[in-house]
């Protein structure tokens, strides 16, 4: 079977635990805590032996730091992609952090209203399309191979169920990924298939 006929396996992980200096909405900050560095090292160990071909990551520092720790252990390159960032919350940037203001929009996404959007920011449909384009490109580059993608909780919680259609977004909400917990996807000629969500195997 040629590589063109082989599915790409994409392991998608939430970044490791990070600490933030800011007390306001910001997507630029976040440095891994000592516990986060241990989590990243642990993630790397779970992938040893998987012949991971490359690591891709959001270009935000907490994700890049996670990816670099894993890639160093696996001996592969890291590619940072702006398209793998967390949700763009628009006018909330720079305002005092208030989780309820995030939830007002995110709850709508998990209920299926993907056209709901942050003022001056993204809708759920925008987030999904941005990730879909990047993940499709990664899969096309790595037919027959396994790669790691490091991303963010909220984006992954709506992107993965929508792309793979094997799990409902509401279920994903109830089973949010912990730091460095993974989902495993395959992409073949028929599209994306979810093979694992955390410890749950499909």
N, C-alpha and C. Protein backbone atom coordinates (compact mmCIF):
# COMPACT_ATOMS: atom_id res chain seq x y z
N UNK A 1 0.84 -1.20 0.00
CA UNK A 1 0.00 0.00 0.00
C UNK A 1 0.88 1.25 0.00
N UNK A 2 0.59 2.18 -0.89
CA UNK A 2 1.40 3.40 -0.97
C UNK A 2 1.05 4.35 0.15
N UNK A 3 1.93 5.32 0.40
CA UNK A 3 1.67 6.32 1.42
C UNK A 3 0.41 7.09 1.14
N UNK A 4 0.09 7.29 -0.17
CA UNK A 4 -1.11 8.05 -0.53
C UNK A 4 -2.38 7.33 -0.09
N UNK A 5 -2.31 6.01 0.04
CA UNK A 5 -3.47 5.23 0.47
C UNK A 5 -3.47 4.99 1.98
N UNK A 6 -2.40 5.33 2.65
CA UNK A 6 -2.29 5.09 4.09
C UNK A 6 -2.83 6.28 4.87
N UNK A 7 -3.54 6.02 5.94
CA UNK A 7 -4.02 7.14 6.77
C UNK A 7 -2.87 7.79 7.54
N UNK A 8 -2.99 9.07 7.74
CA UNK A 8 -2.09 9.77 8.65
C UNK A 8 -2.67 9.65 10.05
N UNK A 9 -1.82 9.40 11.02
CA UNK A 9 -2.24 9.36 12.42
C UNK A 9 -1.78 10.64 13.09
N UNK A 10 -2.73 11.38 13.64
CA UNK A 10 -2.44 12.66 14.27
C UNK A 10 -2.82 12.58 15.74
N UNK A 11 -1.81 12.62 16.60
CA UNK A 11 -2.03 12.65 18.05
C UNK A 11 -2.09 14.13 18.44
N UNK A 12 -3.22 14.54 19.01
CA UNK A 12 -3.42 15.94 19.36
C UNK A 12 -3.46 16.06 20.88
N UNK A 13 -2.56 16.86 21.43
CA UNK A 13 -2.45 16.99 22.89
C UNK A 13 -2.72 18.42 23.33
N UNK A 14 -3.37 18.55 24.47
CA UNK A 14 -3.47 19.86 25.10
C UNK A 14 -2.11 20.19 25.72
N UNK A 15 -1.71 21.45 25.68
CA UNK A 15 -0.42 21.86 26.24
C UNK A 15 -0.31 21.53 27.72
N UNK A 16 0.90 21.53 28.25
CA UNK A 16 1.14 21.23 29.66
C UNK A 16 0.72 22.42 30.55
N UNK A 17 0.68 22.16 31.83
CA UNK A 17 0.24 23.16 32.81
C UNK A 17 1.15 24.39 32.78
N UNK A 18 0.52 25.55 32.76
CA UNK A 18 1.27 26.81 32.66
C UNK A 18 0.83 27.78 33.74
N UNK A 19 1.70 28.74 34.03
CA UNK A 19 1.39 29.83 34.95
C UNK A 19 1.38 31.13 34.17
N UNK A 20 0.55 32.07 34.61
CA UNK A 20 0.37 33.34 33.90
C UNK A 20 0.66 34.51 34.82
N UNK A 21 1.38 35.49 34.30
CA UNK A 21 1.65 36.71 35.04
C UNK A 21 0.42 37.62 35.00
N UNK A 22 -0.25 37.63 33.85
CA UNK A 22 -1.37 38.53 33.65
C UNK A 22 -2.60 38.10 34.43
N UNK A 23 -3.40 39.07 34.85
CA UNK A 23 -4.69 38.79 35.47
C UNK A 23 -5.81 39.23 34.53
N UNK A 24 -5.47 39.45 33.26
CA UNK A 24 -6.44 39.86 32.26
C UNK A 24 -6.40 38.86 31.10
N UNK A 25 -7.37 38.96 30.21
CA UNK A 25 -7.43 38.07 29.07
C UNK A 25 -6.24 38.31 28.15
N UNK A 26 -5.44 37.27 27.93
CA UNK A 26 -4.29 37.36 27.05
C UNK A 26 -3.98 35.98 26.51
N UNK A 27 -3.62 35.90 25.24
CA UNK A 27 -3.22 34.61 24.67
C UNK A 27 -1.72 34.56 24.43
N UNK A 28 -1.01 35.59 24.86
CA UNK A 28 0.43 35.65 24.59
C UNK A 28 1.26 35.06 25.72
N UNK A 29 0.74 35.08 26.94
CA UNK A 29 1.53 34.67 28.10
C UNK A 29 1.50 33.18 28.35
N UNK A 30 1.97 32.81 29.52
CA UNK A 30 1.94 31.42 29.92
C UNK A 30 3.27 30.74 29.74
N UNK A 31 3.90 30.39 30.86
CA UNK A 31 5.13 29.61 30.84
C UNK A 31 4.90 28.35 31.65
N UNK A 32 5.46 27.25 31.21
CA UNK A 32 5.23 25.99 31.89
C UNK A 32 5.74 26.05 33.33
N UNK A 33 4.94 25.53 34.23
CA UNK A 33 5.36 25.36 35.62
C UNK A 33 6.27 24.14 35.71
N UNK A 34 6.95 23.94 36.85
CA UNK A 34 7.72 22.70 37.01
C UNK A 34 6.85 21.46 36.78
N UNK A 35 5.62 21.50 37.30
CA UNK A 35 4.72 20.36 37.07
C UNK A 35 4.41 20.21 35.58
N UNK A 36 4.26 21.35 34.89
CA UNK A 36 4.00 21.30 33.46
C UNK A 36 5.15 20.69 32.68
N UNK A 37 6.37 21.00 33.08
CA UNK A 37 7.53 20.42 32.42
C UNK A 37 7.57 18.91 32.63
N UNK A 38 7.18 18.48 33.81
CA UNK A 38 7.12 17.04 34.07
C UNK A 38 6.02 16.39 33.23
N UNK A 39 4.91 17.09 33.09
CA UNK A 39 3.83 16.57 32.24
C UNK A 39 4.29 16.41 30.79
N UNK A 40 5.00 17.41 30.28
CA UNK A 40 5.49 17.35 28.91
C UNK A 40 6.47 16.19 28.73
N UNK A 41 7.34 16.02 29.72
CA UNK A 41 8.29 14.90 29.66
C UNK A 41 7.54 13.57 29.68
N UNK A 42 6.48 13.50 30.48
CA UNK A 42 5.68 12.29 30.52
C UNK A 42 4.98 12.01 29.20
N UNK A 43 4.48 13.06 28.56
CA UNK A 43 3.87 12.90 27.25
C UNK A 43 4.88 12.34 26.26
N UNK A 44 6.09 12.86 26.30
CA UNK A 44 7.14 12.37 25.41
C UNK A 44 7.38 10.88 25.60
N UNK A 45 7.39 10.43 26.84
CA UNK A 45 7.65 9.02 27.10
C UNK A 45 6.56 8.13 26.54
N UNK A 46 5.31 8.62 26.54
CA UNK A 46 4.22 7.81 25.98
C UNK A 46 4.34 7.65 24.47
N UNK A 47 5.12 8.54 23.84
CA UNK A 47 5.25 8.52 22.39
C UNK A 47 6.53 7.85 21.91
N UNK A 48 7.44 7.56 22.82
CA UNK A 48 8.66 6.84 22.45
C UNK A 48 8.25 5.48 21.88
N UNK A 49 8.78 5.15 20.76
CA UNK A 49 8.42 3.89 20.12
C UNK A 49 7.31 4.03 19.09
N UNK A 50 6.66 5.19 19.03
CA UNK A 50 5.59 5.41 18.05
C UNK A 50 6.14 5.90 16.70
N UNK A 51 7.43 6.13 16.61
CA UNK A 51 8.05 6.63 15.37
C UNK A 51 7.37 7.91 14.90
N UNK A 52 7.22 8.84 15.82
CA UNK A 52 6.62 10.13 15.50
C UNK A 52 7.52 10.88 14.52
N UNK A 53 6.95 11.33 13.41
CA UNK A 53 7.74 11.94 12.35
C UNK A 53 8.00 13.42 12.57
N UNK A 54 7.11 14.11 13.28
CA UNK A 54 7.25 15.55 13.46
C UNK A 54 6.31 16.01 14.57
N UNK A 55 6.59 17.20 15.08
CA UNK A 55 5.72 17.83 16.08
C UNK A 55 5.31 19.19 15.56
N UNK A 56 4.01 19.45 15.58
CA UNK A 56 3.45 20.75 15.22
C UNK A 56 2.79 21.34 16.46
N UNK A 57 2.79 22.67 16.54
CA UNK A 57 2.25 23.29 17.75
C UNK A 57 1.68 24.67 17.45
N UNK A 58 0.74 25.07 18.29
CA UNK A 58 0.35 26.48 18.36
C UNK A 58 1.61 27.29 18.63
N UNK A 59 1.64 28.53 18.15
CA UNK A 59 2.84 29.35 18.34
C UNK A 59 2.82 30.12 19.67
N UNK A 60 1.86 29.84 20.54
CA UNK A 60 1.80 30.47 21.86
C UNK A 60 2.80 29.78 22.79
N UNK A 61 3.44 30.54 23.67
CA UNK A 61 4.60 30.05 24.43
C UNK A 61 4.33 28.77 25.20
N UNK A 62 3.19 28.65 25.86
CA UNK A 62 2.94 27.46 26.67
C UNK A 62 2.86 26.20 25.81
N UNK A 63 2.35 26.35 24.59
CA UNK A 63 2.29 25.21 23.68
C UNK A 63 3.66 24.91 23.08
N UNK A 64 4.38 25.97 22.68
CA UNK A 64 5.71 25.78 22.11
C UNK A 64 6.65 25.10 23.11
N UNK A 65 6.61 25.53 24.37
CA UNK A 65 7.45 24.91 25.39
C UNK A 65 7.12 23.43 25.56
N UNK A 66 5.84 23.11 25.54
CA UNK A 66 5.42 21.70 25.63
C UNK A 66 5.97 20.92 24.45
N UNK A 67 5.79 21.45 23.25
CA UNK A 67 6.22 20.77 22.03
C UNK A 67 7.73 20.56 22.00
N UNK A 68 8.48 21.57 22.44
CA UNK A 68 9.94 21.47 22.39
C UNK A 68 10.46 20.39 23.33
N UNK A 69 9.85 20.25 24.49
CA UNK A 69 10.27 19.20 25.42
C UNK A 69 10.02 17.82 24.81
N UNK A 70 8.84 17.66 24.21
CA UNK A 70 8.52 16.37 23.59
C UNK A 70 9.43 16.10 22.40
N UNK A 71 9.59 17.08 21.54
CA UNK A 71 10.38 16.89 20.32
C UNK A 71 11.84 16.59 20.64
N UNK A 72 12.38 17.22 21.68
CA UNK A 72 13.77 16.96 22.05
C UNK A 72 13.95 15.50 22.46
N UNK A 73 12.98 14.96 23.18
CA UNK A 73 13.06 13.54 23.60
C UNK A 73 12.92 12.61 22.41
N UNK A 74 12.08 12.99 21.45
CA UNK A 74 11.82 12.12 20.29
C UNK A 74 12.82 12.33 19.16
N UNK A 75 13.59 13.43 19.22
CA UNK A 75 14.58 13.69 18.19
C UNK A 75 13.99 14.13 16.87
N UNK A 76 12.89 14.92 16.93
CA UNK A 76 12.25 15.39 15.70
C UNK A 76 12.11 16.91 15.75
N UNK A 77 11.74 17.49 14.62
CA UNK A 77 11.61 18.94 14.51
C UNK A 77 10.27 19.43 15.02
N UNK A 78 10.24 20.71 15.40
CA UNK A 78 9.01 21.38 15.83
C UNK A 78 8.66 22.46 14.80
N UNK A 79 7.39 22.51 14.41
CA UNK A 79 6.89 23.57 13.56
C UNK A 79 5.78 24.30 14.30
N UNK A 80 5.94 25.61 14.51
CA UNK A 80 4.93 26.41 15.21
C UNK A 80 3.98 27.04 14.19
N UNK A 81 2.68 26.93 14.45
CA UNK A 81 1.67 27.41 13.52
C UNK A 81 0.68 28.33 14.24
N UNK A 82 0.55 29.54 13.75
CA UNK A 82 -0.42 30.47 14.33
C UNK A 82 -1.83 29.93 14.22
N UNK A 83 -2.08 29.14 13.19
CA UNK A 83 -3.41 28.59 12.95
C UNK A 83 -3.87 27.59 14.01
N UNK A 84 -2.96 27.14 14.87
CA UNK A 84 -3.31 26.19 15.92
C UNK A 84 -3.52 26.87 17.28
N UNK A 85 -3.62 28.21 17.26
CA UNK A 85 -3.84 28.95 18.51
C UNK A 85 -5.21 28.66 19.11
N UNK A 86 -5.36 29.08 20.37
CA UNK A 86 -6.65 29.02 21.05
C UNK A 86 -7.60 30.00 20.38
N UNK A 87 -8.84 30.01 20.81
CA UNK A 87 -9.89 30.86 20.26
C UNK A 87 -9.51 32.34 20.36
N UNK A 88 -9.81 33.11 19.30
CA UNK A 88 -9.63 34.56 19.33
C UNK A 88 -10.86 35.17 19.97
N UNK A 89 -10.67 35.74 21.18
CA UNK A 89 -11.81 36.26 21.95
C UNK A 89 -12.06 37.75 21.71
N UNK A 90 -11.42 38.31 20.69
CA UNK A 90 -11.72 39.66 20.24
C UNK A 90 -11.61 40.74 21.29
N UNK A 91 -12.70 41.45 21.52
CA UNK A 91 -12.68 42.62 22.41
C UNK A 91 -12.44 42.29 23.87
N UNK A 92 -12.49 41.00 24.24
CA UNK A 92 -12.19 40.63 25.63
C UNK A 92 -10.70 40.73 25.94
N UNK A 93 -9.85 40.70 24.93
CA UNK A 93 -8.41 40.81 25.17
C UNK A 93 -8.10 42.09 25.93
N UNK A 94 -7.32 41.95 26.98
CA UNK A 94 -6.91 43.09 27.79
C UNK A 94 -7.87 43.42 28.91
N UNK A 95 -9.05 42.80 28.94
CA UNK A 95 -10.00 43.03 30.01
C UNK A 95 -9.76 42.06 31.16
N UNK A 96 -10.24 42.41 32.34
CA UNK A 96 -10.07 41.54 33.50
C UNK A 96 -10.65 40.16 33.21
N UNK A 97 -9.91 39.15 33.64
CA UNK A 97 -10.33 37.77 33.36
C UNK A 97 -11.62 37.45 34.10
N UNK A 98 -12.58 36.92 33.37
CA UNK A 98 -13.88 36.54 33.91
C UNK A 98 -14.38 35.34 33.11
N UNK A 99 -14.30 34.16 33.70
CA UNK A 99 -14.63 32.94 32.96
C UNK A 99 -16.07 32.95 32.47
N UNK A 100 -16.97 33.62 33.18
CA UNK A 100 -18.36 33.65 32.75
C UNK A 100 -18.52 34.32 31.39
N UNK A 101 -17.66 35.28 31.10
CA UNK A 101 -17.74 35.98 29.82
C UNK A 101 -17.27 35.07 28.67
N UNK A 102 -16.36 34.19 28.97
CA UNK A 102 -15.98 33.18 27.98
C UNK A 102 -17.10 32.17 27.79
N UNK A 103 -17.64 31.72 28.91
CA UNK A 103 -18.64 30.67 28.87
C UNK A 103 -19.90 31.10 28.14
N UNK A 104 -20.21 32.38 28.17
CA UNK A 104 -21.42 32.87 27.51
C UNK A 104 -21.43 32.50 26.03
N UNK A 105 -20.26 32.50 25.41
CA UNK A 105 -20.15 32.12 23.99
C UNK A 105 -19.87 30.62 23.85
N UNK A 106 -18.93 30.11 24.64
CA UNK A 106 -18.53 28.70 24.48
C UNK A 106 -19.68 27.73 24.74
N UNK A 107 -20.55 28.06 25.68
CA UNK A 107 -21.70 27.20 25.94
C UNK A 107 -22.56 27.05 24.69
N UNK A 108 -22.67 28.11 23.93
CA UNK A 108 -23.46 28.05 22.70
C UNK A 108 -22.81 27.12 21.68
N UNK A 109 -21.49 27.15 21.59
CA UNK A 109 -20.80 26.26 20.66
C UNK A 109 -21.04 24.80 21.00
N UNK A 110 -20.88 24.47 22.27
CA UNK A 110 -21.06 23.08 22.68
C UNK A 110 -22.50 22.62 22.49
N UNK A 111 -23.43 23.57 22.45
CA UNK A 111 -24.84 23.22 22.19
C UNK A 111 -25.15 23.17 20.70
N UNK A 112 -24.15 23.45 19.87
CA UNK A 112 -24.33 23.33 18.43
C UNK A 112 -24.48 24.64 17.69
N UNK A 113 -24.50 25.78 18.41
CA UNK A 113 -24.66 27.09 17.77
C UNK A 113 -23.29 27.65 17.41
N UNK A 114 -22.70 27.11 16.33
CA UNK A 114 -21.32 27.45 15.98
C UNK A 114 -21.19 28.82 15.35
N UNK A 115 -22.29 29.45 14.99
CA UNK A 115 -22.23 30.81 14.45
C UNK A 115 -22.08 31.87 15.54
N UNK A 116 -22.30 31.49 16.79
CA UNK A 116 -22.09 32.44 17.90
C UNK A 116 -20.63 32.86 17.90
N UNK A 117 -20.39 34.15 18.16
CA UNK A 117 -19.02 34.68 18.05
C UNK A 117 -18.72 35.66 19.18
N UNK A 118 -17.43 35.77 19.49
CA UNK A 118 -16.97 36.83 20.40
C UNK A 118 -16.95 38.14 19.63
N UNK A 119 -17.35 39.22 20.29
CA UNK A 119 -17.33 40.52 19.64
C UNK A 119 -15.92 40.84 19.16
N UNK A 120 -15.77 41.06 17.87
CA UNK A 120 -14.47 41.35 17.30
C UNK A 120 -13.55 40.15 17.20
N UNK A 121 -14.08 38.96 17.52
CA UNK A 121 -13.26 37.74 17.50
C UNK A 121 -13.87 36.66 16.63
N UNK A 122 -13.66 35.42 17.00
CA UNK A 122 -14.06 34.30 16.17
C UNK A 122 -15.38 33.69 16.59
N UNK A 123 -16.05 33.10 15.63
CA UNK A 123 -17.17 32.21 15.89
C UNK A 123 -16.63 30.79 16.03
N UNK A 124 -17.49 29.89 16.49
CA UNK A 124 -17.08 28.49 16.56
C UNK A 124 -16.73 27.96 15.18
N UNK A 125 -17.51 28.36 14.17
CA UNK A 125 -17.24 27.91 12.80
C UNK A 125 -15.88 28.40 12.32
N UNK A 126 -15.50 29.62 12.71
CA UNK A 126 -14.18 30.16 12.34
C UNK A 126 -13.06 29.30 12.94
N UNK A 127 -13.21 28.96 14.21
CA UNK A 127 -12.18 28.18 14.91
C UNK A 127 -12.03 26.81 14.25
N UNK A 128 -13.15 26.20 13.93
CA UNK A 128 -13.12 24.87 13.31
C UNK A 128 -12.47 24.93 11.94
N UNK A 129 -12.83 25.89 11.13
CA UNK A 129 -12.27 25.98 9.78
C UNK A 129 -10.77 26.27 9.82
N UNK A 130 -10.36 27.14 10.72
CA UNK A 130 -8.92 27.45 10.86
C UNK A 130 -8.12 26.20 11.20
N UNK A 131 -8.61 25.42 12.14
CA UNK A 131 -7.92 24.19 12.52
C UNK A 131 -8.02 23.13 11.43
N UNK A 132 -9.20 23.04 10.80
CA UNK A 132 -9.38 22.02 9.77
C UNK A 132 -8.36 22.19 8.65
N UNK A 133 -8.18 23.42 8.18
CA UNK A 133 -7.22 23.66 7.11
C UNK A 133 -5.82 23.22 7.51
N UNK A 134 -5.41 23.57 8.74
CA UNK A 134 -4.07 23.22 9.18
C UNK A 134 -3.91 21.72 9.39
N UNK A 135 -4.89 21.09 10.01
CA UNK A 135 -4.79 19.65 10.26
C UNK A 135 -4.84 18.85 8.97
N UNK A 136 -5.65 19.30 8.00
CA UNK A 136 -5.67 18.63 6.70
C UNK A 136 -4.30 18.73 6.03
N UNK A 137 -3.69 19.91 6.12
CA UNK A 137 -2.37 20.09 5.51
C UNK A 137 -1.34 19.18 6.17
N UNK A 138 -1.37 19.12 7.50
CA UNK A 138 -0.43 18.26 8.23
C UNK A 138 -0.63 16.80 7.82
N UNK A 139 -1.89 16.36 7.76
CA UNK A 139 -2.17 14.97 7.39
C UNK A 139 -1.70 14.66 5.98
N UNK A 140 -1.90 15.59 5.06
CA UNK A 140 -1.46 15.37 3.68
C UNK A 140 0.06 15.26 3.58
N UNK A 141 0.76 15.96 4.44
CA UNK A 141 2.23 15.90 4.44
C UNK A 141 2.76 14.62 5.06
N UNK A 142 1.92 13.93 5.84
CA UNK A 142 2.41 12.80 6.64
C UNK A 142 1.56 11.55 6.45
N UNK A 143 1.19 11.27 5.21
CA UNK A 143 0.49 10.03 4.92
C UNK A 143 1.32 8.83 5.36
N UNK A 144 0.69 7.91 6.08
CA UNK A 144 1.39 6.72 6.53
C UNK A 144 2.30 6.95 7.72
N UNK A 145 2.26 8.15 8.30
CA UNK A 145 3.11 8.48 9.44
C UNK A 145 2.27 8.92 10.64
N UNK A 146 2.95 9.04 11.78
CA UNK A 146 2.32 9.56 13.00
C UNK A 146 2.97 10.88 13.36
N UNK A 147 2.15 11.87 13.68
CA UNK A 147 2.68 13.17 14.11
C UNK A 147 1.95 13.61 15.38
N UNK A 148 2.58 14.52 16.11
CA UNK A 148 1.99 15.12 17.29
C UNK A 148 1.63 16.57 17.01
N UNK A 149 0.44 16.98 17.44
CA UNK A 149 0.01 18.38 17.37
C UNK A 149 -0.31 18.84 18.79
N UNK A 150 0.27 19.96 19.21
CA UNK A 150 0.01 20.51 20.54
C UNK A 150 -0.89 21.73 20.40
N UNK A 151 -2.02 21.69 21.10
CA UNK A 151 -2.99 22.77 20.98
C UNK A 151 -3.60 23.16 22.32
N UNK A 152 -4.86 23.62 22.25
CA UNK A 152 -5.50 24.26 23.40
C UNK A 152 -6.88 23.66 23.66
N UNK A 153 -7.31 23.75 24.91
CA UNK A 153 -8.50 23.04 25.37
C UNK A 153 -9.79 23.43 24.66
N UNK A 154 -10.12 24.72 24.66
CA UNK A 154 -11.41 25.13 24.12
C UNK A 154 -11.50 24.84 22.63
N UNK A 155 -10.46 25.20 21.89
CA UNK A 155 -10.48 24.94 20.45
C UNK A 155 -10.60 23.45 20.16
N UNK A 156 -9.80 22.64 20.83
CA UNK A 156 -9.83 21.20 20.56
C UNK A 156 -11.18 20.60 20.92
N UNK A 157 -11.83 21.16 21.95
CA UNK A 157 -13.11 20.62 22.40
C UNK A 157 -14.23 20.76 21.39
N UNK A 158 -14.13 21.74 20.50
CA UNK A 158 -15.14 21.83 19.44
C UNK A 158 -14.61 21.36 18.09
N UNK A 159 -13.30 21.49 17.86
CA UNK A 159 -12.73 21.11 16.56
C UNK A 159 -12.78 19.60 16.35
N UNK A 160 -12.28 18.84 17.32
CA UNK A 160 -12.17 17.39 17.13
C UNK A 160 -13.54 16.74 16.91
N UNK A 161 -14.55 17.01 17.75
CA UNK A 161 -15.86 16.38 17.51
C UNK A 161 -16.48 16.77 16.18
N UNK A 162 -16.26 18.00 15.74
CA UNK A 162 -16.86 18.46 14.50
C UNK A 162 -16.18 17.82 13.29
N UNK A 163 -14.84 17.70 13.33
CA UNK A 163 -14.12 17.10 12.22
C UNK A 163 -14.40 15.60 12.13
N UNK A 164 -14.31 14.92 13.25
CA UNK A 164 -14.37 13.46 13.23
C UNK A 164 -15.81 12.94 13.26
N UNK A 165 -16.71 13.69 13.85
CA UNK A 165 -18.13 13.31 13.94
C UNK A 165 -18.33 11.96 14.62
N UNK A 166 -17.39 11.55 15.45
CA UNK A 166 -17.53 10.30 16.20
C UNK A 166 -17.99 10.55 17.63
N UNK A 167 -17.99 11.81 18.03
CA UNK A 167 -18.37 12.15 19.40
C UNK A 167 -19.07 13.50 19.38
N UNK A 168 -20.08 13.64 20.22
CA UNK A 168 -20.85 14.86 20.27
C UNK A 168 -20.07 15.94 21.03
N UNK A 169 -20.11 17.22 20.58
CA UNK A 169 -19.42 18.28 21.31
C UNK A 169 -19.83 18.38 22.78
N UNK A 170 -21.10 18.09 23.07
CA UNK A 170 -21.54 18.13 24.46
C UNK A 170 -20.83 17.07 25.30
N UNK A 171 -20.58 15.90 24.69
CA UNK A 171 -19.83 14.85 25.39
C UNK A 171 -18.39 15.30 25.61
N UNK A 172 -17.82 15.94 24.61
CA UNK A 172 -16.46 16.45 24.74
C UNK A 172 -16.37 17.46 25.87
N UNK A 173 -17.40 18.27 26.01
CA UNK A 173 -17.44 19.26 27.09
C UNK A 173 -17.41 18.58 28.46
N UNK A 174 -18.12 17.48 28.57
CA UNK A 174 -18.18 16.75 29.84
C UNK A 174 -16.90 15.95 30.10
N UNK A 175 -16.09 15.79 29.08
CA UNK A 175 -14.87 14.99 29.19
C UNK A 175 -13.66 15.81 28.72
N UNK A 176 -13.55 17.03 29.23
CA UNK A 176 -12.48 17.93 28.81
C UNK A 176 -11.11 17.30 29.08
N UNK A 177 -10.19 17.58 28.18
CA UNK A 177 -8.85 17.02 28.29
C UNK A 177 -8.06 17.73 29.38
N UNK A 178 -7.36 16.96 30.18
CA UNK A 178 -6.42 17.53 31.14
C UNK A 178 -5.15 17.94 30.41
N UNK A 179 -4.29 18.68 31.08
CA UNK A 179 -3.03 19.09 30.46
C UNK A 179 -2.24 17.88 29.99
N UNK A 180 -1.79 17.91 28.76
CA UNK A 180 -1.04 16.89 28.02
C UNK A 180 -1.84 15.62 27.75
N UNK A 181 -3.13 15.61 28.06
CA UNK A 181 -3.95 14.48 27.65
C UNK A 181 -4.20 14.59 26.14
N UNK A 182 -4.38 13.43 25.49
CA UNK A 182 -4.39 13.40 24.03
C UNK A 182 -5.69 12.85 23.45
N UNK A 183 -5.93 13.26 22.22
CA UNK A 183 -6.87 12.55 21.36
C UNK A 183 -6.05 12.02 20.18
N UNK A 184 -6.54 10.94 19.59
CA UNK A 184 -5.83 10.36 18.45
C UNK A 184 -6.79 10.26 17.28
N UNK A 185 -6.38 10.85 16.17
CA UNK A 185 -7.19 10.90 14.96
C UNK A 185 -6.47 10.21 13.81
N UNK A 186 -7.24 9.66 12.88
CA UNK A 186 -6.70 9.19 11.61
C UNK A 186 -7.43 9.92 10.50
N UNK A 187 -6.67 10.26 9.46
CA UNK A 187 -7.31 10.87 8.29
C UNK A 187 -6.94 10.08 7.06
N UNK A 188 -7.98 9.55 6.42
CA UNK A 188 -7.79 8.82 5.16
C UNK A 188 -8.64 9.47 4.08
N UNK A 189 -8.87 8.77 3.00
CA UNK A 189 -9.61 9.35 1.88
C UNK A 189 -11.04 9.71 2.25
N UNK A 190 -11.58 9.10 3.29
CA UNK A 190 -12.96 9.36 3.70
C UNK A 190 -13.08 10.44 4.76
N UNK A 191 -11.95 11.01 5.20
CA UNK A 191 -12.00 12.06 6.20
C UNK A 191 -11.41 11.64 7.53
N UNK A 192 -11.80 12.35 8.59
CA UNK A 192 -11.21 12.16 9.92
C UNK A 192 -12.02 11.14 10.74
N UNK A 193 -11.29 10.29 11.45
CA UNK A 193 -11.89 9.30 12.35
C UNK A 193 -11.22 9.41 13.71
N UNK A 194 -12.01 9.49 14.76
CA UNK A 194 -11.48 9.56 16.12
C UNK A 194 -11.18 8.15 16.62
N UNK A 195 -9.94 7.90 17.01
CA UNK A 195 -9.53 6.60 17.52
C UNK A 195 -9.41 6.56 19.04
N UNK A 196 -9.12 7.72 19.63
CA UNK A 196 -8.96 7.75 21.09
C UNK A 196 -9.24 9.17 21.59
N UNK A 197 -9.94 9.24 22.71
CA UNK A 197 -10.13 10.52 23.41
C UNK A 197 -9.68 10.30 24.83
N UNK A 198 -8.53 10.83 25.20
CA UNK A 198 -7.98 10.56 26.53
C UNK A 198 -7.74 9.07 26.70
N UNK A 199 -8.39 8.48 27.67
CA UNK A 199 -8.23 7.03 27.89
C UNK A 199 -9.35 6.22 27.25
N UNK A 200 -10.26 6.91 26.53
CA UNK A 200 -11.39 6.23 25.89
C UNK A 200 -11.02 5.87 24.46
N UNK A 201 -11.10 4.58 24.13
CA UNK A 201 -10.77 4.09 22.79
C UNK A 201 -12.07 3.84 22.04
N UNK A 202 -12.16 4.35 20.82
CA UNK A 202 -13.39 4.15 20.04
C UNK A 202 -13.38 2.80 19.36
